[in-house]
Protein backbone atom coordinates (compact mmCIF):
# COMPACT_ATOMS: atom_id res chain seq x y z
CA MET A 1 20.40 31.78 51.47
CA ARG A 2 19.70 35.47 51.00
CA TYR A 3 18.78 37.02 47.66
CA LEU A 4 18.66 40.73 46.89
CA LEU A 5 16.80 41.65 43.70
CA SER A 6 16.51 44.98 41.94
CA GLY A 7 14.72 46.04 38.78
CA GLY A 8 12.19 48.73 38.16
CA GLY A 9 10.70 51.66 36.34
CA THR A 10 8.41 49.57 34.12
CA GLY A 11 6.66 46.25 34.35
CA GLY A 12 9.13 44.93 31.80
CA HIS A 13 11.86 45.12 34.44
CA ILE A 14 9.77 44.42 37.54
CA TYR A 15 7.89 41.29 36.52
CA PRO A 16 11.02 39.34 35.46
CA ALA A 17 12.47 40.04 38.91
CA ILE A 18 9.27 38.79 40.54
CA ALA A 19 9.31 35.68 38.33
CA ILE A 20 12.90 34.95 39.38
CA ALA A 21 12.03 35.50 43.04
CA ASP A 22 9.08 33.10 42.75
CA ARG A 23 11.39 30.42 41.30
CA ILE A 24 13.94 30.97 44.06
CA ARG A 25 11.23 30.62 46.69
CA GLU A 26 10.00 27.43 45.00
CA GLY A 27 13.50 25.94 44.88
CA ASP A 28 14.50 27.16 48.33
CA PRO A 29 11.46 27.75 50.59
CA LYS A 30 13.72 29.02 53.36
CA ALA A 31 15.35 31.67 51.17
CA GLU A 32 15.27 35.26 52.40
CA ILE A 33 14.35 37.59 49.54
CA LEU A 34 14.53 41.37 49.54
CA PHE A 35 13.84 43.79 46.70
CA VAL A 36 15.33 47.24 46.18
CA GLY A 37 13.35 49.83 44.23
CA ALA A 38 13.39 53.51 43.40
CA VAL A 39 11.51 56.13 45.39
CA ASN A 40 8.06 56.49 43.75
CA GLY A 41 8.79 53.59 41.38
CA LEU A 42 6.04 51.27 40.16
CA GLU A 43 7.91 48.43 41.87
CA LEU A 44 6.93 49.85 45.28
CA GLU A 45 3.36 48.85 44.46
CA LEU A 46 3.85 45.64 42.47
CA VAL A 47 6.46 43.90 44.62
CA PRO A 48 4.46 43.93 47.90
CA GLN A 49 1.36 42.83 45.96
CA ASN A 50 3.32 39.71 45.05
CA GLY A 51 4.33 38.97 48.64
CA TYR A 52 7.84 40.43 48.85
CA THR A 53 9.48 43.12 50.98
CA ILE A 54 11.08 46.08 49.23
CA LYS A 55 13.39 48.88 50.35
CA ARG A 56 13.82 52.21 48.53
CA ILE A 57 16.87 54.06 47.30
CA THR A 58 17.26 57.51 45.79
CA VAL A 59 18.04 57.34 42.08
CA SER A 60 16.87 58.91 38.82
CA TYR A 61 17.21 58.26 35.11
CA LEU A 62 19.63 60.06 32.81
CA LYS A 63 18.66 61.94 29.68
CA ARG A 64 20.71 61.40 26.54
CA SER A 65 21.75 65.06 26.35
CA LEU A 66 23.44 67.42 28.83
CA SER A 67 20.82 68.95 31.09
CA ILE A 68 20.13 70.25 34.58
CA HIS A 69 18.14 67.05 35.11
CA ASN A 70 21.30 64.98 34.63
CA ILE A 71 23.19 67.13 37.14
CA LYS A 72 20.44 66.51 39.70
CA SER A 73 20.46 62.81 38.81
CA ALA A 74 24.21 62.67 39.49
CA PHE A 75 23.66 63.92 43.05
CA LYS A 76 20.85 61.40 43.51
CA LEU A 77 23.14 58.65 42.23
CA VAL A 78 25.72 59.42 44.91
CA LYS A 79 23.00 59.14 47.54
CA GLY A 80 21.69 55.97 45.92
CA LEU A 81 25.12 54.36 46.03
CA TYR A 82 25.38 55.14 49.73
CA GLU A 83 21.89 53.75 50.41
CA SER A 84 22.62 50.62 48.34
CA ASN A 85 25.81 50.01 50.28
CA ARG A 86 23.93 50.28 53.56
CA ILE A 87 21.18 47.85 52.44
CA ILE A 88 23.75 45.32 51.19
CA ARG A 89 25.83 45.65 54.37
CA ASP A 90 22.78 45.06 56.58
CA PHE A 91 21.15 42.29 54.51
CA LYS A 92 24.38 40.40 53.66
CA PRO A 93 23.01 38.69 50.52
CA ASP A 94 24.45 35.54 48.99
CA TRP A 95 23.25 36.72 45.57
CA VAL A 96 22.41 40.13 44.11
CA ILE A 97 20.28 39.98 40.96
CA GLY A 98 19.29 42.84 38.65
CA THR A 99 16.72 42.89 35.87
CA GLY A 100 17.36 46.32 34.43
CA GLY A 101 16.05 49.82 34.89
CA TYR A 102 18.14 52.61 36.37
CA VAL A 103 17.41 51.55 39.96
CA SER A 104 19.42 48.34 39.49
CA GLY A 105 22.55 50.31 38.55
CA PRO A 106 23.81 51.44 41.97
CA VAL A 107 22.68 48.22 43.70
CA LEU A 108 24.50 45.85 41.34
CA PHE A 109 27.53 48.13 41.02
CA VAL A 110 28.05 48.28 44.79
CA ALA A 111 27.47 44.53 45.17
CA ALA A 112 29.92 43.66 42.39
CA ARG A 113 32.62 46.00 43.72
CA ARG A 114 32.23 44.49 47.18
CA GLY A 115 32.70 40.96 45.84
CA TYR A 116 29.17 39.58 46.14
CA LYS A 117 27.88 37.03 43.62
CA THR A 118 25.98 39.00 41.01
CA LEU A 119 23.73 38.30 38.04
CA ILE A 120 21.93 40.61 35.65
CA HIS A 121 19.19 39.68 33.21
CA GLU A 122 18.59 41.52 29.92
CA GLN A 123 15.12 41.16 28.42
CA ASN A 124 15.67 42.78 25.03
CA ALA A 125 17.70 41.97 21.94
CA TYR A 126 19.24 45.45 22.29
CA PRO A 127 20.48 45.76 25.90
CA GLY A 128 19.66 48.78 28.00
CA LEU A 129 22.29 51.28 29.10
CA THR A 130 22.28 50.12 32.74
CA ASN A 131 22.92 46.48 31.90
CA ARG A 132 25.60 47.30 29.34
CA PHE A 133 27.42 49.26 32.03
CA LEU A 134 26.95 46.63 34.74
CA SER A 135 28.16 43.79 32.50
CA ASN A 136 31.70 45.08 33.02
CA TYR A 137 31.51 44.31 36.75
CA VAL A 138 29.08 41.43 37.46
CA ASN A 139 29.80 37.68 37.52
CA ASN A 140 26.92 36.53 35.30
CA VAL A 141 24.86 37.96 32.46
CA ALA A 142 21.64 36.21 31.39
CA VAL A 143 20.11 37.27 28.08
CA SER A 144 16.86 36.48 26.33
CA PHE A 145 18.10 36.61 22.75
CA ASP A 146 21.29 35.46 21.00
CA GLU A 147 21.34 38.83 19.27
CA ALA A 148 22.05 40.58 22.58
CA ILE A 149 25.38 38.81 23.08
CA LYS A 150 27.27 41.02 20.62
CA TYR A 151 26.62 44.11 22.74
CA PHE A 152 28.54 42.74 25.74
CA LYS A 153 32.34 42.67 25.93
CA ASN A 154 32.83 39.61 28.13
CA LYS A 155 31.15 36.75 26.28
CA ASP A 156 32.36 34.13 28.80
CA ILE A 157 29.91 35.20 31.50
CA ILE A 158 26.81 35.16 29.24
CA THR A 159 24.04 32.55 29.37
CA VAL A 160 21.03 32.59 27.02
CA THR A 161 17.97 31.87 29.16
CA GLY A 162 15.01 33.49 27.47
CA ASN A 163 12.67 35.84 29.31
CA PRO A 164 11.53 35.06 32.88
CA ILE A 165 7.74 34.93 32.86
CA ARG A 166 5.53 34.49 35.91
CA LYS A 167 4.28 30.94 36.47
CA GLU A 168 0.62 32.04 36.25
CA TYR A 169 0.98 32.32 32.49
CA TYR A 170 1.92 28.65 32.28
CA GLN A 171 -0.56 27.32 34.82
CA LEU A 172 -3.71 29.37 34.16
CA THR A 173 -6.27 28.00 31.69
CA GLU A 174 -8.38 30.12 29.38
CA GLU A 175 -11.56 28.80 30.99
CA GLU A 176 -10.38 29.85 34.47
CA ALA A 177 -9.44 33.29 33.19
CA LYS A 178 -12.76 33.89 31.42
CA ARG A 179 -14.63 33.31 34.67
CA ARG A 180 -12.98 36.52 35.95
CA PHE A 181 -14.57 38.47 33.08
CA PRO A 182 -18.24 37.37 32.90
CA ASP A 183 -19.29 40.71 31.37
CA TYR A 184 -17.56 39.73 28.12
CA SER A 185 -19.43 36.47 27.55
CA ASP A 186 -21.70 37.93 24.85
CA LYS A 187 -19.06 39.82 22.82
CA LYS A 188 -15.46 39.42 21.79
CA MET A 189 -13.09 40.85 24.41
CA VAL A 190 -10.39 43.16 23.08
CA LEU A 191 -7.64 43.83 25.59
CA ILE A 192 -5.84 47.15 25.12
CA SER A 193 -2.66 48.09 26.97
CA GLY A 194 0.11 50.54 26.16
CA GLY A 195 2.49 49.06 28.71
CA SER A 196 2.77 49.78 32.42
CA GLY A 197 2.99 53.54 31.80
CA GLY A 198 0.37 53.66 29.07
CA SER A 199 0.65 55.07 25.56
CA VAL A 200 -0.65 58.44 24.40
CA LYS A 201 -0.92 57.33 20.78
CA ILE A 202 -2.77 54.11 21.55
CA ASN A 203 -5.15 55.98 23.84
CA GLN A 204 -5.85 58.60 21.15
CA ALA A 205 -6.51 55.94 18.52
CA VAL A 206 -8.85 53.96 20.79
CA GLU A 207 -10.74 57.10 21.79
CA GLY A 208 -11.11 58.05 18.13
CA MET A 209 -12.32 54.54 17.27
CA ILE A 210 -15.00 54.68 19.98
CA ASN A 211 -16.21 58.05 18.73
CA LYS A 212 -16.23 57.06 15.05
CA TYR A 213 -17.82 53.60 15.35
CA GLU A 214 -20.78 53.75 17.71
CA ASN A 215 -21.66 50.07 17.57
CA LEU A 216 -18.38 48.20 17.79
CA PRO A 217 -18.77 44.43 17.30
CA PHE A 218 -16.53 43.82 20.30
CA SER A 219 -16.04 45.13 23.84
CA LEU A 220 -12.90 46.77 25.17
CA TYR A 221 -10.97 46.10 28.35
CA TRP A 222 -8.77 49.17 28.13
CA ALA A 223 -5.85 50.11 30.39
CA THR A 224 -4.93 53.73 29.77
CA GLY A 225 -1.96 54.06 32.14
CA LYS A 226 -2.39 55.76 35.50
CA ILE A 227 -1.34 59.26 34.44
CA PHE A 228 -3.83 59.31 31.56
CA PHE A 229 -6.77 57.61 33.23
CA GLU A 230 -8.76 60.51 34.69
CA SER A 231 -8.64 62.68 31.58
CA VAL A 232 -9.49 59.80 29.23
CA GLU A 233 -12.28 58.54 31.49
CA LYS A 234 -13.94 61.98 31.54
CA ARG A 235 -13.99 62.12 27.75
CA VAL A 236 -15.18 58.61 26.89
CA VAL A 237 -17.23 57.14 29.72
CA ASN A 238 -20.93 57.74 29.11
CA ALA A 239 -24.11 55.66 29.02
CA HIS A 240 -23.33 54.34 25.54
CA PHE A 241 -19.79 53.36 26.59
CA VAL A 242 -21.10 51.36 29.54
CA LYS A 243 -23.99 49.85 27.55
CA SER A 244 -21.51 48.63 24.94
CA GLY A 245 -19.78 46.56 27.60
CA HIS A 246 -16.51 48.50 27.54
CA GLN A 247 -14.41 48.87 30.67
CA ILE A 248 -11.61 51.34 31.29
CA VAL A 249 -8.99 50.94 34.01
CA PRO A 250 -5.77 52.80 34.87
CA TYR A 251 -3.65 49.66 35.19
CA ILE A 252 -4.14 45.90 34.94
CA ASN A 253 -2.99 44.10 38.07
CA ASN A 254 -4.30 40.73 36.89
CA MET A 255 -2.67 40.67 33.45
CA PRO A 256 -2.31 36.85 33.30
CA TYR A 257 -6.10 36.56 33.64
CA ALA A 258 -6.81 39.42 31.22
CA LEU A 259 -4.49 38.05 28.54
CA LYS A 260 -5.80 34.50 28.82
CA ALA A 261 -9.44 35.68 28.79
CA CYS A 262 -9.29 38.09 25.86
CA ASP A 263 -9.89 37.21 22.20
CA ILE A 264 -7.22 39.59 20.88
CA VAL A 265 -4.80 42.10 22.39
CA VAL A 266 -3.74 45.57 21.25
CA CYS A 267 -0.44 46.41 22.89
CA SER A 268 3.01 47.92 22.67
CA ALA A 269 5.91 45.58 21.96
CA GLY A 270 8.23 45.33 24.95
CA ALA A 271 10.06 42.02 25.20
CA ILE A 272 8.16 40.85 28.28
CA THR A 273 4.82 41.84 26.74
CA ILE A 274 5.70 39.86 23.62
CA ALA A 275 6.62 36.79 25.67
CA GLU A 276 3.43 36.99 27.75
CA VAL A 277 1.28 37.29 24.63
CA GLN A 278 2.99 34.28 23.05
CA ILE A 279 2.62 32.11 26.14
CA SER A 280 -1.05 33.13 26.38
CA ASN A 281 -1.49 32.00 22.76
CA LYS A 282 -3.08 35.26 21.61
CA TYR A 283 -2.95 37.16 18.34
CA ALA A 284 -1.82 40.77 18.79
CA VAL A 285 -2.16 44.13 17.11
CA LEU A 286 1.27 45.49 17.96
CA ILE A 287 2.03 49.20 18.16
CA PRO A 288 5.73 49.52 19.04
CA LYS A 289 6.92 52.66 20.82
CA SER A 290 9.27 54.39 18.41
CA TYR A 291 11.40 56.15 21.03
CA THR A 292 12.81 53.03 22.71
CA ALA A 293 16.58 52.41 22.75
CA GLY A 294 17.83 50.80 19.54
CA ASN A 295 14.20 50.82 18.34
CA HIS A 296 13.95 47.41 20.00
CA GLN A 297 10.16 47.42 20.27
CA GLU A 298 9.78 47.64 16.50
CA LYS A 299 12.17 44.71 16.07
CA ASN A 300 10.18 42.70 18.61
CA ALA A 301 6.91 43.51 16.85
CA PHE A 302 8.02 42.57 13.35
CA MET A 303 9.39 39.28 14.69
CA MET A 304 5.86 38.49 15.89
CA GLU A 305 4.38 39.50 12.54
CA ILE A 306 6.82 37.30 10.61
CA GLU A 307 5.84 34.35 12.81
CA GLY A 308 2.15 34.98 12.09
CA GLN A 309 1.32 35.84 15.69
CA GLY A 310 0.48 39.49 15.18
CA THR A 311 0.20 42.50 12.92
CA VAL A 312 2.23 45.69 13.28
CA ILE A 313 1.13 49.31 13.09
CA LYS A 314 3.94 51.85 13.46
CA ASP A 315 2.85 54.56 15.86
CA GLN A 316 3.25 57.27 13.18
CA ASP A 317 0.77 55.34 11.00
CA LEU A 318 -1.76 54.67 13.75
CA THR A 319 -5.29 55.96 13.10
CA PRO A 320 -8.69 54.97 14.54
CA GLU A 321 -9.71 53.55 11.17
CA LEU A 322 -6.59 51.42 10.78
CA LEU A 323 -6.82 50.17 14.34
CA PHE A 324 -10.45 49.14 13.86
CA SER A 325 -9.62 47.33 10.62
CA ARG A 326 -6.68 45.44 12.14
CA ILE A 327 -8.73 44.37 15.17
CA LEU A 328 -11.46 42.95 12.93
CA ASN A 329 -8.91 41.14 10.75
CA GLY A 330 -7.09 39.89 13.83
CA LEU A 331 -10.25 38.47 15.37
CA GLU A 332 -10.83 36.49 12.19
CA HIS A 333 -7.17 35.39 12.08
CA ASN A 334 -7.29 34.48 15.75
CA LYS A 335 -9.71 31.64 15.01
CA LEU A 336 -7.03 30.01 12.88
CA ARG A 337 -4.04 30.46 15.15
CA MET A 338 -1.85 27.47 15.91
CA SER A 339 -1.09 26.41 19.47
CA HIS A 340 2.07 28.04 20.78
CA THR A 341 4.72 25.59 21.93
CA LYS A 342 5.53 26.38 25.55
CA SER A 343 9.24 26.16 26.04
CA SER A 344 10.89 25.47 29.38
CA PRO A 345 10.55 28.59 31.55
CA ALA A 346 13.59 30.86 31.60
CA VAL A 347 13.37 31.07 35.37
CA ASP A 348 14.40 27.41 35.56
CA LYS A 349 17.56 28.16 33.57
CA ILE A 350 18.39 31.11 35.83
CA TRP A 351 17.80 28.98 38.93
CA ASP A 352 20.04 26.27 37.47
CA LEU A 353 22.72 28.88 36.75
CA ILE A 354 22.62 30.08 40.36
CA ASN A 355 22.90 26.53 41.67
CA LYS A 356 25.75 25.71 39.30
CA CYS A 357 27.71 28.73 40.53
CA ASN A 358 27.03 27.72 44.14
CA GLU A 359 28.24 24.16 43.47
CA ASN A 360 31.42 25.39 41.83
CA GLU A 361 32.29 27.25 45.03
CA VAL A 362 31.91 24.16 47.23
């Protein structure tokens, strides 16, 4: 069978699609799998790294207010619909699956209107604009949280699956992961990531913490985000930085290893990030991005705090001093954490849903 997958813009949309593709390949080794991504999207890098072919379409995001950008995006959307139609016509998929992000809009819309079997997955409790729109046309909607159901009109096509997480998070041991980071054997390893695009406020707080506390009792493995890397690196990397065992990178390609190896993580609070942290059994200092739709990151973060798996700092309250204090407290708390119960992977439920739909057609 042939499967066309689309999701992009951020790792929170891309990695679920990759996790689903991995499960399809496991269940059907002969399956033909093709991804569709946006021109210059992060998915153009991540998808091939994970062994899949990807084609590009022209598409851009929409701003929430009337602007020249939106007019340009409308023209790109027309082109993207045409390119999506051509890819679908040539590939002839049995299933078209979307995991959110504006790139999945034209692909899933064209597929649904042409009568192909379609499925979208929503990672957050508050669904994104693209998935809310597509839910009016597709055959199946998979959601991660019960709370998301109320935002969709057609409840009959909804299945609660949880978030698709890559199998490495379930299979990798902490001991295996730590061998990838031998430089952190003498000090606690603090993983810092502001999401796939980085976070200005997290970067500023970390930089301030390094400058204020010369002898930190832990070492940082710090992903700044690609667009911030060069400027941050110029300001912070010196002999003392290197001697302290800190490392700074633009992006973490081996996140399963980094999360399993670290002693605590400082991160934003996207739904996929939250799920990966939980599966890795780590305590987190969570700094939700305040500008996300429906403020869903803050809701995600406080859920973790209530469950005792993290502590929340709102980005408007974030300071170097507060960050330092929460990391120290978190490292102490981390010693006492309980083992996280690993539930059945969501990808299995999505694979079962696909097979059930196929059987119903026979």
